[in-house]
Amino acid sequence: MDDAGRIVESDIPARLDRLPWGRFHTLVVAALGVTWILDGLEVTLAGALAGALKESPVLHFSNADVGYAASAYLAGAVLGAILFGWMTDRLGRKKLFFITLSVYMLATAATAASWNVWSFALFRFLTGAGIGGEYAAINSTIQELIPARVRGWSDLVINGSFWVGAAVGALGSLVLLDPNVINPEIGWRLAFLIGATLALVIFFMRLWLPESPRWLMTHGHVGEARRVIDEIEAYFVELPPAHGLPKVKLRARRATPLWEVAQTLFKRYRQRTYVGLSLMAAQAFFYNAIFFTYALILTDFYHVPSDHVGWYLLPFAAGNFLGPVLIGRLFDTAGRKPMIAFTYIISGLLLAGTGWLFERDLITAETQTVCWMIIFFFASAAASSAYLTVSETFPLEIRALAIAFFYTVGTGIGGIIGPSLFGALIDTGSRVSVFGGYLLGSVLMVLAGLVAWRWGVAAERKPLEMVARPLTFINID
């Protein structure tokens, strides 16, 4: 029954947070977290295939074209995040799982058929739109289904799985760009079909997923929310009775008007908004500027053959994945603020040091890769914590749209500008120019870390409803 407008009392949040980690949570992580694997695959292909696209007899990309295509992907992600984020908060998390995944699947398959720079950029734009929408829908759902005591570590590891996709893309590029195995002009096209194939598998994996009970509860579908939480609890053999758990009282609503979204972001939680923007913009510039153009650094400055670039990415990807896995638990134990500040600041300082070595021509392609591996061990945890921060520190009713907003502004400032800027800097052939870009990324990361230390939110091990009181709540027992 639709209870929109009625006063509802429920213990659903407490029932979700009391659950031990079980098979249900593992399945959620596998079916939803795979989004980051897809994004990692896409970003890696964009970098690893840069050489092949430049050598393509059909496309004839320049370094600037590589940067423009990367920016088109990010622009699509920005617009897709806003559109699909708004739809996710209004229509539900589950519906958008399939819409965004379908957009991604069709667009990345179409990329394989690109015939010139503009068609390639268009299809990359649409691919990005699907991925951007996935970020908003998936981040909000994972936050709402994972117990509070492990929310930080699980979120960081899920975001870190981006680098599993990166490794798959790197290995795929090594085979598909090897002229002894396949014509590179066909190989780069087949590489994009990897993502479409994975998306098709994921589509079927998600069929069993439930709607978020928290979303159902606040949008008036209380009976459905109770049915879903009963089904979730059925995954666990032994659970204590649910009697006596804290209850919340709320006035159910079907949607949140945009004026209230703006008021929540820029008045009620203004300080949190500034923190979120700082973290997202810094990590977006840091990551996208370097990662979208790392292949150009290897080929233009170290003269690494384009079909060998994937070998250099594998240790780079390993460092990125191991960072959240090995230090992620500290975000739940030592706390959000100190760990976010530490990972941001150390990443910025290490990049500045590595940039100086690069500018002085004191490192080889191999030692450059080792440096990147160390830097991004910390930077990966930092970037993941940005998504964790913006997805847990704002009310449930606007969570997906808030994620989309921060992703959009952060990526717009740092991500779209970054690849184009670095592509132009690399085109100059000057190590000093590239070093200047590295220093800019370093300063942004250090400043964001200081902002988190001063104004961040200590959200560790707290229920979402305590971190950010939902707009529909009347009281919390």
Protein backbone atom coordinates (compact mmCIF):
# COMPACT_ATOMS: atom_id res chain seq x y z
CA MET A 1 0.00 0.00 0.00
CA ASP A 2 1.22 3.56 -0.76
CA ASP A 3 1.47 5.41 2.58
CA ALA A 4 2.82 8.71 1.21
CA GLY A 5 1.91 11.58 3.53
CA ARG A 6 1.13 9.36 6.47
CA ILE A 7 3.06 9.13 9.73
CA VAL A 8 5.03 5.88 9.78
CA GLU A 9 6.94 4.23 12.62
CA SER A 10 9.56 1.65 11.70
CA ASP A 11 12.63 -0.22 12.95
CA ILE A 12 13.95 -0.95 9.42
CA PRO A 13 17.21 1.06 9.77
CA ALA A 14 18.08 -0.74 13.04
CA ARG A 15 17.24 -4.13 11.51
CA LEU A 16 19.61 -3.48 8.61
CA ASP A 17 22.47 -2.25 10.80
CA ARG A 18 22.25 -5.15 13.27
CA LEU A 19 22.90 -7.78 10.59
CA PRO A 20 26.26 -9.59 10.64
CA TRP A 21 28.18 -9.73 7.39
CA GLY A 22 26.71 -12.58 5.39
CA ARG A 23 26.08 -14.06 1.98
CA PHE A 24 23.53 -11.32 1.21
CA HIS A 25 26.11 -8.56 1.63
CA THR A 26 28.64 -10.45 -0.46
CA LEU A 27 26.10 -10.79 -3.27
CA VAL A 28 25.25 -7.08 -3.06
CA VAL A 29 28.92 -6.15 -3.32
CA ALA A 30 29.43 -8.51 -6.27
CA ALA A 31 26.37 -7.38 -8.25
CA LEU A 32 26.67 -3.64 -7.57
CA GLY A 33 30.36 -3.12 -6.89
CA VAL A 34 31.19 -4.46 -10.33
CA THR A 35 30.32 -0.98 -11.62
CA TRP A 36 33.77 0.17 -10.53
CA ILE A 37 35.32 -2.72 -12.40
CA LEU A 38 33.57 -1.51 -15.54
CA ASP A 39 34.75 2.06 -14.98
CA GLY A 40 38.29 0.83 -14.38
CA LEU A 41 38.10 -1.15 -17.60
CA GLU A 42 36.87 1.88 -19.55
CA VAL A 43 39.44 4.31 -18.17
CA THR A 44 42.26 1.81 -18.68
CA LEU A 45 41.28 1.13 -22.25
CA ALA A 46 41.21 4.88 -22.91
CA GLY A 47 44.79 5.11 -21.63
CA ALA A 48 46.22 1.85 -22.92
CA LEU A 49 44.67 2.24 -26.36
CA ALA A 50 45.93 5.80 -26.83
CA GLY A 51 48.88 4.63 -28.90
CA ALA A 52 46.73 2.39 -31.08
CA LEU A 53 44.22 5.19 -31.68
CA LYS A 54 47.03 7.51 -32.76
CA GLU A 55 48.35 4.84 -35.14
CA SER A 56 44.90 3.85 -36.44
CA PRO A 57 44.64 4.27 -40.23
CA VAL A 58 40.98 5.26 -39.73
CA LEU A 59 41.02 7.58 -36.71
CA HIS A 60 44.51 9.18 -36.83
CA PHE A 61 44.28 10.58 -33.27
CA SER A 62 46.66 13.28 -32.05
CA ASN A 63 47.60 13.63 -28.38
CA ALA A 64 45.04 16.42 -28.14
CA ASP A 65 42.37 14.12 -29.63
CA VAL A 66 43.13 11.55 -26.93
CA GLY A 67 42.58 14.24 -24.31
CA TYR A 68 39.37 15.44 -25.97
CA ALA A 69 37.95 11.90 -26.10
CA ALA A 70 38.76 11.45 -22.42
CA SER A 71 37.03 14.73 -21.65
CA ALA A 72 33.97 13.62 -23.67
CA TYR A 73 33.74 10.48 -21.53
CA LEU A 74 33.91 12.55 -18.36
CA ALA A 75 31.41 15.12 -19.66
CA GLY A 76 28.97 12.30 -20.32
CA ALA A 77 29.59 10.94 -16.83
CA VAL A 78 28.83 14.36 -15.37
CA LEU A 79 25.51 14.81 -17.17
CA GLY A 80 24.54 11.18 -16.70
CA ALA A 81 25.17 11.40 -12.97
CA ILE A 82 22.87 14.41 -12.60
CA LEU A 83 20.04 13.03 -14.75
CA PHE A 84 20.11 9.49 -13.42
CA GLY A 85 20.85 10.64 -9.86
CA TRP A 86 17.67 12.74 -9.89
CA MET A 87 15.73 9.77 -11.29
CA THR A 88 17.22 7.42 -8.69
CA ASP A 89 15.91 9.48 -5.77
CA ARG A 90 12.45 9.79 -7.37
CA LEU A 91 11.91 6.40 -9.00
CA GLY A 92 13.97 4.08 -6.83
CA ARG A 93 17.44 2.54 -6.80
CA LYS A 94 16.57 -0.73 -8.52
CA LYS A 95 14.94 0.69 -11.67
CA LEU A 96 18.01 2.77 -12.37
CA PHE A 97 20.37 -0.23 -12.01
CA PHE A 98 19.11 -1.54 -15.30
CA ILE A 99 18.64 1.75 -17.14
CA THR A 100 22.19 2.96 -16.51
CA LEU A 101 23.73 -0.44 -17.18
CA SER A 102 21.86 -0.70 -20.49
CA VAL A 103 23.05 2.76 -21.58
CA TYR A 104 26.63 1.78 -20.78
CA MET A 105 26.39 -1.59 -22.53
CA LEU A 106 25.00 -0.22 -25.79
CA ALA A 107 27.30 2.81 -25.92
CA THR A 108 30.54 0.95 -25.25
CA ALA A 109 29.61 -1.61 -27.92
CA ALA A 110 28.97 1.28 -30.34
CA THR A 111 32.43 2.70 -29.57
CA ALA A 112 33.92 -0.37 -31.21
CA ALA A 113 32.29 0.73 -34.47
CA SER A 114 33.65 4.33 -34.40
CA TRP A 115 34.69 5.66 -37.81
CA ASN A 116 36.20 9.06 -36.92
CA VAL A 117 37.16 11.28 -34.00
CA TRP A 118 33.67 12.72 -33.58
CA SER A 119 31.82 9.39 -33.58
CA PHE A 120 34.34 8.03 -31.09
CA ALA A 121 33.86 11.05 -28.81
CA LEU A 122 30.04 10.77 -29.06
CA PHE A 123 30.00 7.11 -28.08
CA ARG A 124 32.47 7.77 -25.28
CA PHE A 125 30.17 10.55 -24.07
CA LEU A 126 27.22 8.12 -23.91
CA THR A 127 29.36 5.46 -22.24
CA GLY A 128 30.32 7.99 -19.60
CA ALA A 129 26.65 8.89 -19.10
CA GLY A 130 25.89 5.28 -18.21
CA ILE A 131 28.82 5.06 -15.81
CA GLY A 132 27.97 8.40 -14.17
CA GLY A 133 24.43 7.23 -13.56
CA GLU A 134 25.75 3.99 -12.12
CA TYR A 135 27.84 5.90 -9.58
CA ALA A 136 24.81 7.74 -8.21
CA ALA A 137 22.48 4.73 -8.07
CA ILE A 138 25.00 2.19 -6.83
CA ASN A 139 26.77 4.30 -4.20
CA SER A 140 23.49 5.25 -2.58
CA THR A 141 22.23 1.66 -2.49
CA ILE A 142 25.42 0.19 -1.08
CA GLN A 143 25.43 2.77 1.71
CA GLU A 144 21.84 1.88 2.60
CA LEU A 145 22.34 -1.91 2.67
CA ILE A 146 25.74 -2.31 4.38
CA PRO A 147 25.89 -2.36 8.24
CA ALA A 148 27.30 0.82 9.82
CA ARG A 149 30.25 -0.84 11.55
CA VAL A 150 31.87 -1.94 8.25
CA ARG A 151 30.51 0.74 5.93
CA GLY A 152 33.84 2.54 5.56
CA TRP A 153 36.03 -0.45 4.74
CA SER A 154 33.50 -2.09 2.43
CA ASP A 155 32.90 1.15 0.53
CA LEU A 156 36.62 1.75 0.05
CA VAL A 157 37.24 -1.81 -1.15
CA ILE A 158 34.30 -1.60 -3.57
CA ASN A 159 35.59 1.67 -5.01
CA GLY A 160 39.08 0.18 -5.09
CA SER A 161 37.81 -2.66 -7.29
CA PHE A 162 38.06 -0.08 -10.09
CA TRP A 163 41.59 -1.40 -10.38
CA VAL A 164 40.50 -4.97 -10.97
CA GLY A 165 38.86 -3.60 -14.10
CA ALA A 166 42.04 -1.67 -14.82
CA ALA A 167 44.06 -4.89 -14.67
CA VAL A 168 41.59 -6.67 -16.96
CA GLY A 169 41.84 -3.79 -19.42
CA ALA A 170 45.63 -3.84 -19.26
CA LEU A 171 45.85 -7.58 -19.87
CA GLY A 172 43.30 -7.35 -22.64
CA SER A 173 45.22 -4.56 -24.33
CA LEU A 174 48.44 -6.60 -24.24
CA VAL A 175 46.79 -9.30 -26.29
CA LEU A 176 44.53 -7.21 -28.50
CA LEU A 177 47.24 -4.70 -29.41
CA ASP A 178 49.91 -7.30 -30.17
CA PRO A 179 50.36 -7.25 -33.96
CA ASN A 180 51.60 -10.85 -33.77
CA VAL A 181 48.21 -11.89 -32.40
CA ILE A 182 45.71 -9.62 -34.16
CA ASN A 183 45.60 -6.55 -36.35
CA PRO A 184 45.70 -3.61 -33.86
CA GLU A 185 43.00 -1.82 -35.85
CA ILE A 186 40.66 -4.72 -35.06
CA GLY A 187 42.18 -5.26 -31.62
CA TRP A 188 41.27 -1.86 -30.15
CA ARG A 189 37.71 -2.34 -31.35
CA LEU A 190 37.45 -5.76 -29.73
CA ALA A 191 38.83 -4.26 -26.51
CA PHE A 192 35.73 -2.09 -26.12
CA LEU A 193 33.51 -5.12 -26.64
CA ILE A 194 34.97 -6.60 -23.43
CA GLY A 195 33.03 -4.02 -21.42
CA ALA A 196 29.79 -4.66 -23.28
CA THR A 197 30.12 -8.40 -22.68
CA LEU A 198 30.76 -7.92 -18.96
CA ALA A 199 27.76 -5.58 -18.72
CA LEU A 200 25.51 -8.24 -20.20
CA VAL A 201 26.60 -10.71 -17.53
CA ILE A 202 26.09 -8.11 -14.79
CA PHE A 203 22.58 -7.39 -16.04
CA PHE A 204 21.51 -10.91 -15.15
CA MET A 205 23.43 -10.85 -11.85
CA ARG A 206 21.31 -7.91 -10.69
CA LEU A 207 17.93 -9.49 -11.32
CA TRP A 208 17.70 -10.86 -7.76
CA LEU A 209 18.61 -7.57 -6.04
CA PRO A 210 15.92 -5.96 -3.84
CA GLU A 211 14.99 -2.31 -3.69
CA SER A 212 16.54 -0.42 -0.78
CA PRO A 213 14.21 -0.81 2.24
CA ARG A 214 15.28 2.62 3.44
CA TRP A 215 14.20 4.20 0.15
CA LEU A 216 10.90 2.29 0.18
CA MET A 217 10.21 3.37 3.77
CA THR A 218 10.72 7.08 3.17
CA HIS A 219 8.79 7.07 -0.11
CA GLY A 220 5.63 5.59 1.31
CA HIS A 221 5.99 1.93 0.33
CA VAL A 222 6.12 0.67 3.91
CA GLY A 223 4.55 -2.73 3.28
CA GLU A 224 7.03 -3.45 0.50
CA ALA A 225 9.90 -2.29 2.72
CA ARG A 226 8.88 -4.74 5.45
CA ARG A 227 8.63 -7.58 2.94
CA VAL A 228 12.12 -6.80 1.61
CA ILE A 229 13.73 -6.65 5.05
CA ASP A 230 12.08 -9.98 5.95
CA GLU A 231 13.59 -11.52 2.80
CA ILE A 232 17.01 -10.09 3.63
CA GLU A 233 16.91 -11.48 7.16
CA ALA A 234 16.03 -14.89 5.74
CA TYR A 235 19.63 -15.09 4.45
CA PHE A 236 20.82 -15.33 8.06
CA VAL A 237 20.30 -18.59 9.94
CA GLU A 238 20.38 -17.25 13.49
CA LEU A 239 19.25 -13.74 14.34
CA PRO A 240 17.97 -12.51 17.71
CA PRO A 241 14.34 -11.34 17.76
CA ALA A 242 13.76 -7.90 16.27
CA HIS A 243 11.64 -6.82 19.23
CA GLY A 244 12.84 -3.77 21.14
CA LEU A 245 15.01 -2.30 18.39
CA PRO A 246 15.07 1.51 18.07
CA LYS A 247 12.31 2.88 15.85
CA VAL A 248 12.11 5.97 13.73
CA LYS A 249 9.03 8.07 13.01
CA LEU A 250 8.65 9.78 9.67
CA ARG A 251 6.19 11.40 7.31
CA ALA A 252 6.46 9.42 4.09
CA ARG A 253 6.82 11.32 0.82
CA ARG A 254 6.94 10.40 -2.84
CA ALA A 255 9.64 12.90 -3.85
CA THR A 256 11.78 15.74 -2.57
CA PRO A 257 11.45 19.05 -4.45
CA LEU A 258 14.60 20.52 -5.95
CA TRP A 259 14.34 23.69 -3.85
CA GLU A 260 14.62 21.54 -0.72
CA VAL A 261 17.59 19.69 -2.21
CA ALA A 262 19.33 23.03 -2.78
CA GLN A 263 18.43 24.27 0.70
CA THR A 264 19.80 21.08 2.26
CA LEU A 265 23.08 21.28 0.38
CA PHE A 266 23.76 25.00 0.59
CA LYS A 267 22.15 26.02 3.86
CA ARG A 268 21.55 23.14 6.24
CA TYR A 269 24.75 21.26 5.36
CA ARG A 270 26.80 24.07 3.80
CA GLN A 271 30.03 23.06 5.55
CA ARG A 272 29.69 19.43 4.49
CA THR A 273 29.08 20.61 0.94
CA TYR A 274 32.36 22.55 0.92
CA VAL A 275 34.21 19.50 2.25
CA GLY A 276 32.66 17.23 -0.36
CA LEU A 277 33.49 19.60 -3.21
CA SER A 278 37.09 19.93 -2.05
CA LEU A 279 37.61 16.18 -1.81
CA MET A 280 35.91 15.33 -5.10
CA ALA A 281 37.54 18.07 -7.19
CA ALA A 282 41.04 17.32 -5.90
CA GLN A 283 40.89 13.57 -6.43
CA ALA A 284 39.20 13.95 -9.84
CA PHE A 285 41.97 16.21 -11.15
CA PHE A 286 44.68 14.11 -9.52
CA TYR A 287 43.44 10.82 -10.92
CA ASN A 288 42.02 11.72 -14.29
CA ALA A 289 44.82 14.05 -15.32
CA ILE A 290 47.46 11.43 -14.61
CA PHE A 291 45.66 8.23 -15.44
CA PHE A 292 44.09 9.27 -18.73
CA THR A 293 47.52 10.35 -19.99
CA TYR A 294 49.92 7.88 -18.34
CA ALA A 295 50.27 5.98 -21.62
CA LEU A 296 51.36 9.18 -23.36
CA ILE A 297 54.04 9.75 -20.71
CA LEU A 298 55.37 6.24 -21.30
CA THR A 299 55.31 6.44 -25.10
CA ASP A 300 56.40 10.07 -25.60
CA PHE A 301 59.01 10.47 -22.87
CA TYR A 302 60.21 6.90 -22.25
CA HIS A 303 59.60 5.59 -25.78
CA VAL A 304 57.70 2.54 -24.56
CA PRO A 305 55.97 0.76 -27.49
CA SER A 306 52.20 1.24 -27.32
CA ASP A 307 51.59 -2.51 -27.28
CA HIS A 308 53.74 -2.81 -24.11
CA VAL A 309 51.98 -0.11 -22.09
CA GLY A 310 49.70 -2.66 -20.38
CA TRP A 311 52.67 -4.27 -18.61
CA TYR A 312 53.37 -1.00 -16.82
CA LEU A 313 49.78 -0.66 -15.72
CA LEU A 314 49.61 -3.99 -13.87
CA PRO A 315 51.82 -3.00 -10.88
CA PHE A 316 50.17 0.43 -10.94
CA ALA A 317 46.75 -1.23 -10.67
CA ALA A 318 48.00 -3.55 -7.91
CA GLY A 319 49.07 -0.60 -5.74
CA ASN A 320 45.73 1.09 -6.27
CA PHE A 321 43.71 -1.97 -5.30
CA LEU A 322 45.86 -2.94 -2.31
CA GLY A 323 45.64 0.52 -0.74
CA PRO A 324 41.91 0.40 0.17
CA VAL A 325 42.12 -3.31 1.03
CA LEU A 326 45.04 -2.98 3.45
CA ILE A 327 44.35 0.37 5.10
CA GLY A 328 40.60 0.63 4.54
CA ARG A 329 39.69 -0.75 7.97
CA LEU A 330 41.47 2.18 9.59
CA PHE A 331 38.71 4.44 8.25
CA ASP A 332 36.31 2.56 10.58
CA THR A 333 38.70 2.26 13.54
CA ALA A 334 41.10 5.23 13.54
CA GLY A 335 38.33 7.39 12.12
CA ARG A 336 37.27 9.15 8.94
CA LYS A 337 38.84 12.57 9.51
CA PRO A 338 42.43 11.55 10.33
CA MET A 339 42.58 8.88 7.63
CA ILE A 340 41.09 11.04 4.89
CA ALA A 341 43.47 13.88 5.75
CA PHE A 342 46.49 11.55 5.89
CA THR A 343 45.83 9.79 2.58
CA TYR A 344 45.18 13.04 0.71
CA ILE A 345 48.22 14.89 2.05
CA ILE A 346 50.70 12.02 1.65
CA SER A 347 49.48 11.44 -1.92
CA GLY A 348 50.06 15.08 -2.82
CA LEU A 349 53.53 15.18 -1.29
CA LEU A 350 54.60 11.96 -2.99
CA LEU A 351 53.38 13.20 -6.38
CA ALA A 352 55.37 16.42 -5.99
CA GLY A 353 58.51 14.41 -5.21
CA THR A 354 58.01 12.06 -8.15
CA GLY A 355 57.28 14.99 -10.45
CA TRP A 356 60.61 16.56 -9.50
CA LEU A 357 62.44 13.32 -10.28
CA PHE A 358 60.64 13.13 -13.63
CA GLU A 359 61.49 16.74 -14.46
CA ARG A 360 65.16 16.08 -13.68
CA ASP A 361 65.10 12.92 -15.83
CA LEU A 362 66.34 10.89 -12.85
CA ILE A 363 63.95 7.96 -13.24
CA THR A 364 63.25 5.36 -15.91
CA ALA A 365 59.90 4.01 -17.09
CA GLU A 366 60.25 1.19 -14.55
CA THR A 367 61.08 3.41 -11.57
CA GLN A 368 58.38 5.88 -12.65
CA THR A 369 55.91 2.99 -12.45
CA VAL A 370 57.16 2.03 -8.98
CA CYS A 371 56.69 5.63 -7.85
CA TRP A 372 53.16 5.68 -9.24
CA MET A 373 52.44 2.39 -7.47
CA ILE A 374 53.45 3.87 -4.10
CA ILE A 375 51.63 7.18 -4.67
CA PHE A 376 48.38 5.56 -5.67
CA PHE A 377 48.47 3.03 -2.84
CA PHE A 378 47.45 6.02 -0.71
CA ALA A 379 45.67 8.03 -3.41
CA SER A 380 43.28 5.17 -4.17
CA ALA A 381 42.11 5.09 -0.56
CA ALA A 382 41.85 8.89 -0.61
CA ALA A 383 39.73 8.98 -3.77
CA SER A 384 37.48 6.19 -2.47
CA SER A 385 37.00 8.09 0.78
CA ALA A 386 35.70 11.08 -1.20
CA TYR A 387 32.85 8.97 -2.55
CA LEU A 388 32.30 7.51 0.93
CA THR A 389 32.08 11.01 2.39
CA VAL A 390 29.53 12.45 -0.01
CA SER A 391 27.36 9.32 0.04
CA GLU A 392 27.04 9.02 3.82
CA THR A 393 26.94 12.62 5.08
CA PHE A 394 23.71 13.79 3.41
CA PRO A 395 20.08 12.76 4.02
CA LEU A 396 18.66 9.61 2.50
CA GLU A 397 16.01 11.42 0.43
CA ILE A 398 18.62 13.29 -1.62
CA ARG A 399 21.51 10.83 -1.38
CA ALA A 400 21.73 9.83 -5.07
CA LEU A 401 21.32 13.40 -6.31
CA ALA A 402 23.89 14.63 -3.78
CA ILE A 403 26.37 12.02 -5.01
CA ALA A 404 25.64 13.11 -8.57
CA PHE A 405 26.10 16.78 -7.70
CA PHE A 406 29.50 16.27 -6.08
CA TYR A 407 30.60 13.89 -8.80
CA THR A 408 29.50 16.42 -11.42
CA VAL A 409 31.15 19.48 -9.93
CA GLY A 410 34.27 17.62 -8.86
CA THR A 411 34.68 15.86 -12.17
CA GLY A 412 33.79 18.98 -14.12
CA ILE A 413 36.47 21.00 -12.36
CA GLY A 414 39.11 18.34 -12.00
CA GLY A 415 38.31 15.61 -14.46
CA ILE A 416 37.31 17.32 -17.67
CA ILE A 417 39.99 20.01 -17.40
CA GLY A 418 42.67 17.60 -16.21
CA PRO A 419 43.05 15.23 -19.20
CA SER A 420 42.86 18.05 -21.75
CA LEU A 421 45.40 20.11 -19.80
CA PHE A 422 47.84 17.22 -19.41
CA GLY A 423 47.40 16.19 -23.04
CA ALA A 424 48.40 19.71 -24.07
CA LEU A 425 51.32 19.75 -21.60
CA ILE A 426 52.63 16.44 -22.94
CA ASP A 427 52.31 17.73 -26.51
CA THR A 428 54.84 20.45 -25.66
CA GLY A 429 57.45 17.74 -25.11
CA SER A 430 58.66 19.66 -22.04
CA ARG A 431 59.25 17.83 -18.78
CA VAL A 432 59.06 21.17 -16.97
CA SER A 433 55.53 21.74 -18.29
CA VAL A 434 54.39 18.28 -17.19
CA PHE A 435 56.00 18.84 -13.78
CA GLY A 436 53.93 22.00 -13.44
CA GLY A 437 50.79 19.92 -13.96
CA TYR A 438 51.95 17.44 -11.33
CA LEU A 439 52.53 20.27 -8.85
CA LEU A 440 49.00 21.59 -9.43
CA GLY A 441 47.57 18.15 -8.65
CA SER A 442 49.79 17.91 -5.57
CA VAL A 443 48.65 21.26 -4.17
CA LEU A 444 44.98 20.40 -4.69
CA MET A 445 45.35 17.11 -2.79
CA VAL A 446 47.17 18.68 0.16
CA LEU A 447 44.62 21.48 0.47
CA ALA A 448 41.73 18.99 0.33
CA GLY A 449 43.37 16.92 3.07
CA LEU A 450 43.63 19.97 5.31
CA VAL A 451 39.96 20.80 4.67
CA ALA A 452 38.94 17.25 5.67
CA TRP A 453 41.02 17.42 8.85
CA ARG A 454 39.44 20.70 9.91
CA TRP A 455 35.82 20.35 8.78
CA GLY A 456 35.24 16.66 8.00
CA VAL A 457 32.54 14.50 9.62
CA ALA A 458 33.36 11.70 12.09
CA ALA A 459 30.90 9.21 10.56
CA GLU A 460 32.69 5.99 11.50
CA ARG A 461 30.48 3.15 12.87
CA LYS A 462 27.40 5.41 13.06
CA PRO A 463 24.01 4.63 11.46
CA LEU A 464 23.29 6.75 8.39
CA GLU A 465 20.32 8.31 10.18
CA MET A 466 22.64 9.63 12.90
CA VAL A 467 25.24 10.93 10.46
CA ALA A 468 22.62 12.89 8.50
CA ARG A 469 19.06 13.07 9.81
CA PRO A 470 16.65 12.24 6.96
CA LEU A 471 14.35 15.06 5.87
CA THR A 472 11.21 12.99 6.45
CA PHE A 473 12.01 12.04 10.04
CA ILE A 474 9.91 13.40 12.88
CA ASN A 475 12.09 11.90 15.61
CA ILE A 476 14.67 9.18 16.23
CA ASP A 477 14.31 7.05 19.35
